[in-house]
């Protein structure tokens, strides 16, 4: 299962590099956002947000479960576990920022 995930991630990475390289060449020629280039920007931005939110949800689920388990054994861990859940939620924000950079730069 992990091997399939790694293969899909590598494929998306390679395709993403190819798309952005082609898009940079088209931007030099056309000079405006229209047609296929804009559609690829939308797909890239949606993939950035979607995959980062999926990863953030998985991370928050695992970190949150571990934090609740630690707090059930020792209530003093409640203040120490909260920043880790916040770091896991930050993954979604980074995906959103990358999507904005893809769309507007």
C-alpha atoms as a PDB file:
ATOM      1  CA  UNK A   1       0.000   0.000   0.000  1.00  0.00           C
ATOM      2  CA  UNK A   2       2.788   2.430   0.908  1.00  0.00           C
ATOM      3  CA  UNK A   3       4.593   1.613  -2.312  1.00  0.00           C
ATOM      4  CA  UNK A   4       1.521   2.558  -4.357  1.00  0.00           C
ATOM      5  CA  UNK A   5       1.246   5.859  -2.493  1.00  0.00           C
ATOM      6  CA  UNK A   6       4.906   6.638  -3.159  1.00  0.00           C
ATOM      7  CA  UNK A   7       4.526   5.819  -6.852  1.00  0.00           C
ATOM      8  CA  UNK A   8       1.456   8.054  -7.165  1.00  0.00           C
ATOM      9  CA  UNK A   9       3.228  10.878  -5.306  1.00  0.00           C
ATOM     10  CA  UNK A  10       6.307  10.582  -7.554  1.00  0.00           C
ATOM     11  CA  UNK A  11       4.100  10.576 -10.638  1.00  0.00           C
ATOM     12  CA  UNK A  12       2.265  13.708  -9.480  1.00  0.00           C
ATOM     13  CA  UNK A  13       5.583  15.386  -8.737  1.00  0.00           C
ATOM     14  CA  UNK A  14       6.998  14.607 -12.177  1.00  0.00           C
ATOM     15  CA  UNK A  15       3.812  15.680 -13.930  1.00  0.00           C
ATOM     16  CA  UNK A  16       3.691  18.867 -11.872  1.00  0.00           C
ATOM     17  CA  UNK A  17       7.223  19.801 -12.908  1.00  0.00           C
ATOM     18  CA  UNK A  18       6.394  19.112 -16.549  1.00  0.00           C
ATOM     19  CA  UNK A  19       3.215  21.195 -16.363  1.00  0.00           C
ATOM     20  CA  UNK A  20       4.954  24.176 -14.797  1.00  0.00           C
ATOM     21  CA  UNK A  21       7.844  24.004 -17.258  1.00  0.00           C
ATOM     22  CA  UNK A  22       5.414  23.981 -20.173  1.00  0.00           C
ATOM     23  CA  UNK A  23       3.373  26.734 -18.575  1.00  0.00           C
ATOM     24  CA  UNK A  24       6.434  28.960 -18.215  1.00  0.00           C
ATOM     25  CA  UNK A  25       7.211  28.482 -21.900  1.00  0.00           C
ATOM     26  CA  UNK A  26       3.619  29.275 -22.864  1.00  0.00           C
ATOM     27  CA  UNK A  27       3.591  32.367 -20.649  1.00  0.00           C
ATOM     28  CA  UNK A  28       6.569  33.759 -22.530  1.00  0.00           C
ATOM     29  CA  UNK A  29       4.790  33.224 -25.827  1.00  0.00           C
ATOM     30  CA  UNK A  30       1.212  34.201 -24.984  1.00  0.00           C
ATOM     31  CA  UNK A  31       1.623  36.720 -22.196  1.00  0.00           C
ATOM     32  CA  UNK A  32      -1.934  36.182 -20.879  1.00  0.00           C
ATOM     33  CA  UNK A  33      -3.886  33.568 -18.911  1.00  0.00           C
ATOM     34  CA  UNK A  34      -6.240  31.762 -21.220  1.00  0.00           C
ATOM     35  CA  UNK A  35      -7.041  28.324 -22.495  1.00  0.00           C
ATOM     36  CA  UNK A  36      -5.120  25.267 -21.399  1.00  0.00           C
ATOM     37  CA  UNK A  37      -2.594  27.144 -19.243  1.00  0.00           C
ATOM     38  CA  UNK A  38      -5.273  28.595 -17.014  1.00  0.00           C
ATOM     39  CA  UNK A  39      -7.010  25.236 -16.733  1.00  0.00           C
ATOM     40  CA  UNK A  40      -3.762  23.622 -15.616  1.00  0.00           C
ATOM     41  CA  UNK A  41      -3.340  26.365 -13.019  1.00  0.00           C
ATOM     42  CA  UNK A  42      -6.771  25.562 -11.626  1.00  0.00           C
ATOM     43  CA  UNK A  43      -5.988  21.842 -11.516  1.00  0.00           C
ATOM     44  CA  UNK A  44      -2.640  22.489  -9.825  1.00  0.00           C
ATOM     45  CA  UNK A  45      -4.188  24.779  -7.229  1.00  0.00           C
ATOM     46  CA  UNK A  46      -6.974  22.333  -6.460  1.00  0.00           C
ATOM     47  CA  UNK A  47      -4.475  19.482  -6.096  1.00  0.00           C
ATOM     48  CA  UNK A  48      -2.354  21.592  -3.744  1.00  0.00           C
ATOM     49  CA  UNK A  49      -5.313  22.396  -1.493  1.00  0.00           C
ATOM     50  CA  UNK A  50      -6.931  18.980  -1.707  1.00  0.00           C
ATOM     51  CA  UNK A  51      -3.834  16.910  -0.996  1.00  0.00           C
ATOM     52  CA  UNK A  52      -2.619  19.188   1.777  1.00  0.00           C
ATOM     53  CA  UNK A  53      -6.024  19.106   3.495  1.00  0.00           C
ATOM     54  CA  UNK A  54      -6.125  15.331   3.163  1.00  0.00           C
ATOM     55  CA  UNK A  55      -2.662  15.045   4.689  1.00  0.00           C
ATOM     56  CA  UNK A  56      -3.566  17.559   7.400  1.00  0.00           C
ATOM     57  CA  UNK A  57      -6.669  15.578   8.305  1.00  0.00           C
ATOM     58  CA  UNK A  58      -4.678  12.367   8.597  1.00  0.00           C
ATOM     59  CA  UNK A  59      -2.036  14.109  10.709  1.00  0.00           C
ATOM     60  CA  UNK A  60      -4.577  15.746  13.033  1.00  0.00           C
ATOM     61  CA  UNK A  61      -6.351  12.426  13.473  1.00  0.00           C
ATOM     62  CA  UNK A  62      -3.191  10.609  14.504  1.00  0.00           C
ATOM     63  CA  UNK A  63      -1.728  13.413  16.613  1.00  0.00           C
ATOM     64  CA  UNK A  64      -5.073  14.120  18.256  1.00  0.00           C
ATOM     65  CA  UNK A  65      -5.576  10.474  19.175  1.00  0.00           C
ATOM     66  CA  UNK A  66      -2.092  10.294  20.670  1.00  0.00           C
ATOM     67  CA  UNK A  67      -2.637  13.555  22.560  1.00  0.00           C
ATOM     68  CA  UNK A  68      -5.942  12.358  24.028  1.00  0.00           C
ATOM     69  CA  UNK A  69      -4.282   9.106  25.055  1.00  0.00           C
ATOM     70  CA  UNK A  70      -1.434  10.957  26.748  1.00  0.00           C
ATOM     71  CA  UNK A  71      -3.829  13.342  28.518  1.00  0.00           C
ATOM     72  CA  UNK A  72      -5.927  10.452  29.800  1.00  0.00           C
ATOM     73  CA  UNK A  73      -2.862   9.039  31.549  1.00  0.00           C
ATOM     74  CA  UNK A  74      -1.459  12.364  32.748  1.00  0.00           C
ATOM     75  CA  UNK A  75      -3.616  15.551  32.647  1.00  0.00           C
ATOM     76  CA  UNK A  76      -0.482  17.727  32.726  1.00  0.00           C
ATOM     77  CA  UNK A  77       0.155  16.917  29.056  1.00  0.00           C
ATOM     78  CA  UNK A  78      -2.847  18.952  27.885  1.00  0.00           C
ATOM     79  CA  UNK A  79      -0.828  22.139  27.354  1.00  0.00           C
ATOM     80  CA  UNK A  80       2.053  20.294  25.741  1.00  0.00           C
ATOM     81  CA  UNK A  81      -0.029  18.374  23.192  1.00  0.00           C
ATOM     82  CA  UNK A  82      -1.960  21.333  21.768  1.00  0.00           C
ATOM     83  CA  UNK A  83       0.929  22.855  19.746  1.00  0.00           C
ATOM     84  CA  UNK A  84       1.474  19.563  17.927  1.00  0.00           C
ATOM     85  CA  UNK A  85      -2.147  19.487  16.798  1.00  0.00           C
ATOM     86  CA  UNK A  86      -1.742  23.082  15.617  1.00  0.00           C
ATOM     87  CA  UNK A  87       1.351  22.152  13.620  1.00  0.00           C
ATOM     88  CA  UNK A  88      -0.571  19.376  11.928  1.00  0.00           C
ATOM     89  CA  UNK A  89      -3.360  21.801  11.016  1.00  0.00           C
ATOM     90  CA  UNK A  90      -0.790  24.159   9.519  1.00  0.00           C
ATOM     91  CA  UNK A  91      -0.261  21.728   6.646  1.00  0.00           C
ATOM     92  CA  UNK A  92      -3.604  22.815   5.192  1.00  0.00           C
ATOM     93  CA  UNK A  93      -2.646  26.469   5.371  1.00  0.00           C
ATOM     94  CA  UNK A  94       0.587  25.843   3.474  1.00  0.00           C
ATOM     95  CA  UNK A  95      -1.378  24.086   0.746  1.00  0.00           C
ATOM     96  CA  UNK A  96      -3.720  27.057   0.497  1.00  0.00           C
ATOM     97  CA  UNK A  97      -0.778  29.474   0.228  1.00  0.00           C
ATOM     98  CA  UNK A  98       0.800  27.368  -2.512  1.00  0.00           C
ATOM     99  CA  UNK A  99      -2.524  27.398  -4.387  1.00  0.00           C
ATOM    100  CA  UNK A 100      -2.653  31.192  -4.181  1.00  0.00           C
ATOM    101  CA  UNK A 101       0.889  31.426  -5.502  1.00  0.00           C
ATOM    102  CA  UNK A 102       0.019  29.098  -8.381  1.00  0.00           C
ATOM    103  CA  UNK A 103      -3.038  31.118  -9.330  1.00  0.00           C
ATOM    104  CA  UNK A 104      -1.706  34.653  -9.016  1.00  0.00           C
ATOM    105  CA  UNK A 105       1.985  34.440  -9.831  1.00  0.00           C
END
